[in-house]
Amino acid sequence: MAERFERLGWRSRSSSWYGYEVGTTWCEVELEPSDGQDVLMNGVVAPSRFDDLAALLTRFGASYTLELYDENDNLLRESNR
């Protein structure tokens, strides 16, 4: 998954034995392998670019659930595929 982000010009670096940090000016996320082909992704995205991240994951053919929270841990938006 990290390679897909890299091909689009995102920064990427290994952050653990299997995990990667990927980022761009509007998003910084940690990618950790999960069961099977699943990837756990958590981090920060500019609220105005939330839909852009969802579109990118759709373009990658990934199944996902994205949640956007405010500073008080209130769920603001959710998107899934």
Protein backbone atom coordinates (compact mmCIF):
# COMPACT_ATOMS: atom_id res chain seq x y z
CA MET A 1 0.00 0.00 0.00
CA ALA A 2 2.84 2.40 0.83
CA GLU A 3 4.25 1.91 -2.68
CA ARG A 4 0.95 3.04 -4.19
CA PHE A 5 1.14 6.29 -2.23
CA GLU A 6 4.81 6.73 -3.19
CA ARG A 7 4.00 6.41 -6.90
CA LEU A 8 1.71 9.42 -6.50
CA GLY A 9 4.48 11.50 -4.96
CA TRP A 10 3.73 10.97 -1.28
CA ARG A 11 6.60 10.68 1.21
CA SER A 12 7.09 7.22 2.66
CA ARG A 13 9.37 5.72 5.27
CA SER A 14 9.53 2.54 7.26
CA SER A 15 8.30 3.12 10.82
CA SER A 16 8.47 -0.42 12.25
CA TRP A 17 9.20 -3.98 11.16
CA TYR A 18 6.15 -3.95 8.90
CA GLY A 19 4.66 -0.46 9.16
CA TYR A 20 5.12 2.65 7.06
CA GLU A 21 4.41 6.33 7.48
CA VAL A 22 3.14 8.02 4.34
CA GLY A 23 2.31 11.66 3.91
CA THR A 24 1.75 14.68 1.80
CA THR A 25 1.03 18.32 2.63
CA TRP A 26 -2.55 17.54 3.67
CA CYS A 27 -2.32 14.04 5.17
CA GLU A 28 0.02 12.02 7.41
CA VAL A 29 -0.90 8.39 8.14
CA GLU A 30 0.63 5.26 9.57
CA LEU A 31 0.04 2.02 7.64
CA GLU A 32 0.20 -1.22 9.64
CA PRO A 33 -0.54 -4.66 8.20
CA SER A 34 -3.55 -6.42 9.66
CA ASP A 35 -5.19 -9.77 8.95
CA GLY A 36 -4.73 -11.03 5.38
CA GLN A 37 -4.44 -8.16 2.92
CA ASP A 38 -6.00 -5.62 5.28
CA VAL A 39 -4.08 -2.52 6.31
CA LEU A 40 -4.82 -0.49 9.43
CA MET A 41 -4.42 3.21 8.68
CA ASN A 42 -4.50 5.97 11.26
CA GLY A 43 -3.31 9.52 11.31
CA VAL A 44 -4.29 13.05 10.40
CA VAL A 45 -6.00 14.42 7.30
CA ALA A 46 -7.03 18.00 6.55
CA PRO A 47 -10.83 17.98 6.96
CA SER A 48 -11.25 19.71 3.60
CA ARG A 49 -9.37 16.80 1.93
CA PHE A 50 -11.26 13.94 3.60
CA ASP A 51 -13.10 13.10 0.37
CA ASP A 52 -9.82 13.20 -1.55
CA LEU A 53 -8.38 10.49 0.70
CA ALA A 54 -11.53 8.38 0.26
CA ALA A 55 -11.32 8.79 -3.53
CA LEU A 56 -7.65 7.78 -3.50
CA LEU A 57 -8.37 4.60 -1.51
CA THR A 58 -11.22 3.78 -3.89
CA ARG A 59 -8.82 4.28 -6.81
CA PHE A 60 -6.44 1.81 -5.14
CA GLY A 61 -9.31 -0.71 -5.00
CA ALA A 62 -9.13 -0.83 -1.21
CA SER A 63 -12.00 -1.59 1.11
CA TYR A 64 -11.99 0.99 3.88
CA THR A 65 -13.77 2.81 6.65
CA LEU A 66 -12.60 6.36 7.28
CA GLU A 67 -13.61 8.35 10.32
CA LEU A 68 -12.90 12.02 10.96
CA TYR A 69 -12.93 13.25 14.56
CA ASP A 70 -12.60 16.71 16.05
CA GLU A 71 -10.22 17.66 18.87
CA ASN A 72 -12.82 16.49 21.44
CA ASP A 73 -13.11 13.01 19.87
CA ASN A 74 -16.53 13.73 18.38
CA LEU A 75 -17.17 11.87 15.11
CA LEU A 76 -17.62 14.47 12.36
CA ARG A 77 -17.74 12.34 9.22
CA GLU A 78 -17.52 8.73 8.11
CA SER A 79 -16.98 7.14 4.73
CA ASN A 80 -16.62 3.49 3.78
CA ARG A 81 -16.38 1.18 0.83
